[in-house]
Amino acid sequence: MSAPPPEPEHEGLDSVGEVMHRAEAIAKAGDKAGAARLLTQLEAYIREHGESLEARDDPRESARQLLGYVSGYFKPDTGQAILEVFDVEHPVFGRASPDWLEAYLAGAADAEADRSRPDQ
């Protein structure tokens, strides 16, 4: 009987929720080695499953952007820990921790900009 095939190095990263859960645990522990492992796993997942050519062309940067983006869904202290431990930035706010109104207004401005762009 042959051995089962090896698991992909991104095993278990099938949802953004799982990425968020792992990133939170790693950041709260201050685990830089764990952060590097998760970033590598995300990179492998994006390389294999990325939906856009841009993501597959630079999966490392796409993984960094994803981690920066999801940091905004946490309370400020956890979000900041994610930014620091993973050494990433939020794509809109950088390393800042906006309050709810700043975040809302930035989202509204971005949506308005999308509406004013001509369809491609």
C-alpha atoms as a PDB file:
ATOM      1  CA  MET A   1       0.000   0.000   0.000  1.00  0.00           C
ATOM      2  CA  SER A   2       1.437   3.396  -0.967  1.00  0.00           C
ATOM      3  CA  ALA A   3       1.781   6.351   1.346  1.00  0.00           C
ATOM      4  CA  PRO A   4      -0.835   9.089   1.102  1.00  0.00           C
ATOM      5  CA  PRO A   5       0.197  12.169  -0.883  1.00  0.00           C
ATOM      6  CA  PRO A   6       1.793  14.952   1.170  1.00  0.00           C
ATOM      7  CA  GLU A   7      -0.522  17.686   2.384  1.00  0.00           C
ATOM      8  CA  PRO A   8      -0.142  21.034   0.642  1.00  0.00           C
ATOM      9  CA  GLU A   9       1.922  23.485   2.657  1.00  0.00           C
ATOM     10  CA  HIS A  10      -1.163  25.710   2.908  1.00  0.00           C
ATOM     11  CA  GLU A  11      -3.378  22.995   4.428  1.00  0.00           C
ATOM     12  CA  GLY A  12      -6.341  24.440   6.317  1.00  0.00           C
ATOM     13  CA  LEU A  13      -6.232  27.947   4.844  1.00  0.00           C
ATOM     14  CA  ASP A  14      -9.515  27.565   3.031  1.00  0.00           C
ATOM     15  CA  SER A  15     -11.190  30.702   4.386  1.00  0.00           C
ATOM     16  CA  VAL A  16     -10.352  34.242   5.360  1.00  0.00           C
ATOM     17  CA  GLY A  17     -11.771  33.372   8.776  1.00  0.00           C
ATOM     18  CA  GLU A  18      -9.090  30.719   9.256  1.00  0.00           C
ATOM     19  CA  VAL A  19      -6.392  33.200   8.184  1.00  0.00           C
ATOM     20  CA  MET A  20      -7.769  35.733  10.671  1.00  0.00           C
ATOM     21  CA  HIS A  21      -7.912  33.180  13.473  1.00  0.00           C
ATOM     22  CA  ARG A  22      -4.310  32.079  12.916  1.00  0.00           C
ATOM     23  CA  ALA A  23      -3.035  35.643  12.475  1.00  0.00           C
ATOM     24  CA  GLU A  24      -4.690  36.722  15.723  1.00  0.00           C
ATOM     25  CA  ALA A  25      -3.186  33.828  17.697  1.00  0.00           C
ATOM     26  CA  ILE A  26       0.273  34.401  16.220  1.00  0.00           C
ATOM     27  CA  ALA A  27       0.139  38.163  16.835  1.00  0.00           C
ATOM     28  CA  LYS A  28      -1.083  37.813  20.421  1.00  0.00           C
ATOM     29  CA  ALA A  29       1.797  35.394  21.092  1.00  0.00           C
ATOM     30  CA  GLY A  30       4.288  37.735  19.388  1.00  0.00           C
ATOM     31  CA  ASP A  31       5.446  34.713  17.373  1.00  0.00           C
ATOM     32  CA  LYS A  32       7.642  36.075  14.555  1.00  0.00           C
ATOM     33  CA  ALA A  33       8.546  32.539  13.390  1.00  0.00           C
ATOM     34  CA  GLY A  34       4.847  31.640  13.263  1.00  0.00           C
ATOM     35  CA  ALA A  35       4.191  34.842  11.318  1.00  0.00           C
ATOM     36  CA  ALA A  36       6.829  33.873   8.752  1.00  0.00           C
ATOM     37  CA  ARG A  37       5.301  30.383   8.437  1.00  0.00           C
ATOM     38  CA  LEU A  38       1.771  31.725   7.941  1.00  0.00           C
ATOM     39  CA  LEU A  39       2.973  34.244   5.377  1.00  0.00           C
ATOM     40  CA  THR A  40       4.709  31.440   3.464  1.00  0.00           C
ATOM     41  CA  GLN A  41       1.560  29.281   3.671  1.00  0.00           C
ATOM     42  CA  LEU A  42      -0.595  32.144   2.381  1.00  0.00           C
ATOM     43  CA  GLU A  43       1.857  32.743  -0.433  1.00  0.00           C
ATOM     44  CA  ALA A  44       1.630  29.072  -1.456  1.00  0.00           C
ATOM     45  CA  TYR A  45      -2.178  29.156  -1.289  1.00  0.00           C
ATOM     46  CA  ILE A  46      -2.383  32.298  -3.440  1.00  0.00           C
ATOM     47  CA  ARG A  47       0.123  30.882  -5.930  1.00  0.00           C
ATOM     48  CA  GLU A  48      -2.083  27.802  -6.339  1.00  0.00           C
ATOM     49  CA  HIS A  49      -5.566  29.291  -5.993  1.00  0.00           C
ATOM     50  CA  GLY A  50      -5.200  33.030  -6.690  1.00  0.00           C
ATOM     51  CA  GLU A  51      -8.099  34.285  -8.758  1.00  0.00           C
ATOM     52  CA  SER A  52      -6.273  37.121 -10.485  1.00  0.00           C
ATOM     53  CA  LEU A  53      -3.107  37.155 -12.550  1.00  0.00           C
ATOM     54  CA  GLU A  54      -1.871  40.028 -10.388  1.00  0.00           C
ATOM     55  CA  ALA A  55      -2.177  37.891  -7.248  1.00  0.00           C
ATOM     56  CA  ARG A  56      -0.422  34.929  -8.846  1.00  0.00           C
ATOM     57  CA  ASP A  57       2.331  37.147 -10.284  1.00  0.00           C
ATOM     58  CA  ASP A  58       3.300  38.372  -6.810  1.00  0.00           C
ATOM     59  CA  PRO A  59       1.734  36.008  -4.272  1.00  0.00           C
ATOM     60  CA  ARG A  60       4.011  37.215  -1.452  1.00  0.00           C
ATOM     61  CA  GLU A  61       2.787  40.794  -1.818  1.00  0.00           C
ATOM     62  CA  SER A  62      -0.824  39.612  -2.107  1.00  0.00           C
ATOM     63  CA  ALA A  63      -0.389  37.640   1.137  1.00  0.00           C
ATOM     64  CA  ARG A  64       1.067  40.703   2.870  1.00  0.00           C
ATOM     65  CA  GLN A  65      -1.822  42.865   1.638  1.00  0.00           C
ATOM     66  CA  LEU A  66      -4.369  40.321   2.860  1.00  0.00           C
ATOM     67  CA  LEU A  67      -2.837  40.233   6.345  1.00  0.00           C
ATOM     68  CA  GLY A  68      -2.744  44.035   6.448  1.00  0.00           C
ATOM     69  CA  TYR A  69      -6.352  44.229   5.314  1.00  0.00           C
ATOM     70  CA  VAL A  70      -7.710  41.725   7.839  1.00  0.00           C
ATOM     71  CA  SER A  71      -5.928  43.562  10.672  1.00  0.00           C
ATOM     72  CA  GLY A  72      -8.617  46.223  10.296  1.00  0.00           C
ATOM     73  CA  TYR A  73     -11.342  43.820  11.421  1.00  0.00           C
ATOM     74  CA  PHE A  74      -9.883  43.451  14.908  1.00  0.00           C
ATOM     75  CA  LYS A  75      -9.898  45.675  17.970  1.00  0.00           C
ATOM     76  CA  PRO A  76      -7.098  48.250  17.678  1.00  0.00           C
ATOM     77  CA  ASP A  77      -4.639  46.453  19.991  1.00  0.00           C
ATOM     78  CA  THR A  78      -4.982  43.143  18.127  1.00  0.00           C
ATOM     79  CA  GLY A  79      -4.903  44.863  14.725  1.00  0.00           C
ATOM     80  CA  GLN A  80      -1.716  46.704  15.686  1.00  0.00           C
ATOM     81  CA  ALA A  81      -0.154  43.461  16.914  1.00  0.00           C
ATOM     82  CA  ILE A  82      -0.891  41.838  13.532  1.00  0.00           C
ATOM     83  CA  LEU A  83       0.662  44.780  11.675  1.00  0.00           C
ATOM     84  CA  GLU A  84       3.771  44.630  13.842  1.00  0.00           C
ATOM     85  CA  VAL A  85       4.335  40.872  14.119  1.00  0.00           C
ATOM     86  CA  PHE A  86       3.763  40.281  10.403  1.00  0.00           C
ATOM     87  CA  ASP A  87       5.484  43.571   9.452  1.00  0.00           C
ATOM     88  CA  VAL A  88       2.647  44.570   7.120  1.00  0.00           C
ATOM     89  CA  GLU A  89       0.484  47.655   6.578  1.00  0.00           C
ATOM     90  CA  HIS A  90      -3.229  48.100   6.063  1.00  0.00           C
ATOM     91  CA  PRO A  91      -3.769  49.022   2.376  1.00  0.00           C
ATOM     92  CA  VAL A  92      -5.712  52.190   3.279  1.00  0.00           C
ATOM     93  CA  PHE A  93      -4.571  53.209   6.762  1.00  0.00           C
ATOM     94  CA  GLY A  94      -0.977  51.996   6.842  1.00  0.00           C
ATOM     95  CA  ARG A  95       0.012  51.455  10.476  1.00  0.00           C
ATOM     96  CA  ALA A  96      -2.676  53.802  11.857  1.00  0.00           C
ATOM     97  CA  SER A  97      -5.689  52.627  13.874  1.00  0.00           C
ATOM     98  CA  PRO A  98      -8.665  54.632  12.636  1.00  0.00           C
ATOM     99  CA  ASP A  99     -11.796  54.991  14.689  1.00  0.00           C
ATOM    100  CA  TRP A 100     -15.075  53.714  13.251  1.00  0.00           C
ATOM    101  CA  LEU A 101     -15.966  57.066  11.649  1.00  0.00           C
ATOM    102  CA  GLU A 102     -12.609  57.406   9.873  1.00  0.00           C
ATOM    103  CA  ALA A 103     -12.935  53.840   8.594  1.00  0.00           C
ATOM    104  CA  TYR A 104     -16.504  54.428   7.422  1.00  0.00           C
ATOM    105  CA  LEU A 105     -15.614  57.669   5.625  1.00  0.00           C
ATOM    106  CA  ALA A 106     -12.609  56.057   3.923  1.00  0.00           C
ATOM    107  CA  GLY A 107     -14.820  53.192   2.729  1.00  0.00           C
ATOM    108  CA  ALA A 108     -17.470  55.608   1.467  1.00  0.00           C
ATOM    109  CA  ALA A 109     -14.843  57.624  -0.421  1.00  0.00           C
ATOM    110  CA  ASP A 110     -13.443  54.454  -1.977  1.00  0.00           C
ATOM    111  CA  ALA A 111     -16.920  53.318  -3.050  1.00  0.00           C
ATOM    112  CA  GLU A 112     -17.572  56.739  -4.604  1.00  0.00           C
ATOM    113  CA  ALA A 113     -14.286  56.566  -6.489  1.00  0.00           C
ATOM    114  CA  ASP A 114     -15.263  53.121  -7.819  1.00  0.00           C
ATOM    115  CA  ARG A 115     -18.603  54.451  -9.035  1.00  0.00           C
ATOM    116  CA  SER A 116     -16.945  57.321 -10.926  1.00  0.00           C
ATOM    117  CA  ARG A 117     -14.480  55.062 -12.784  1.00  0.00           C
ATOM    118  CA  PRO A 118     -15.501  54.109 -16.289  1.00  0.00           C
ATOM    119  CA  ASP A 119     -16.114  50.405 -16.834  1.00  0.00           C
ATOM    120  CA  GLN A 120     -13.168  48.666 -18.393  1.00  0.00           C
END
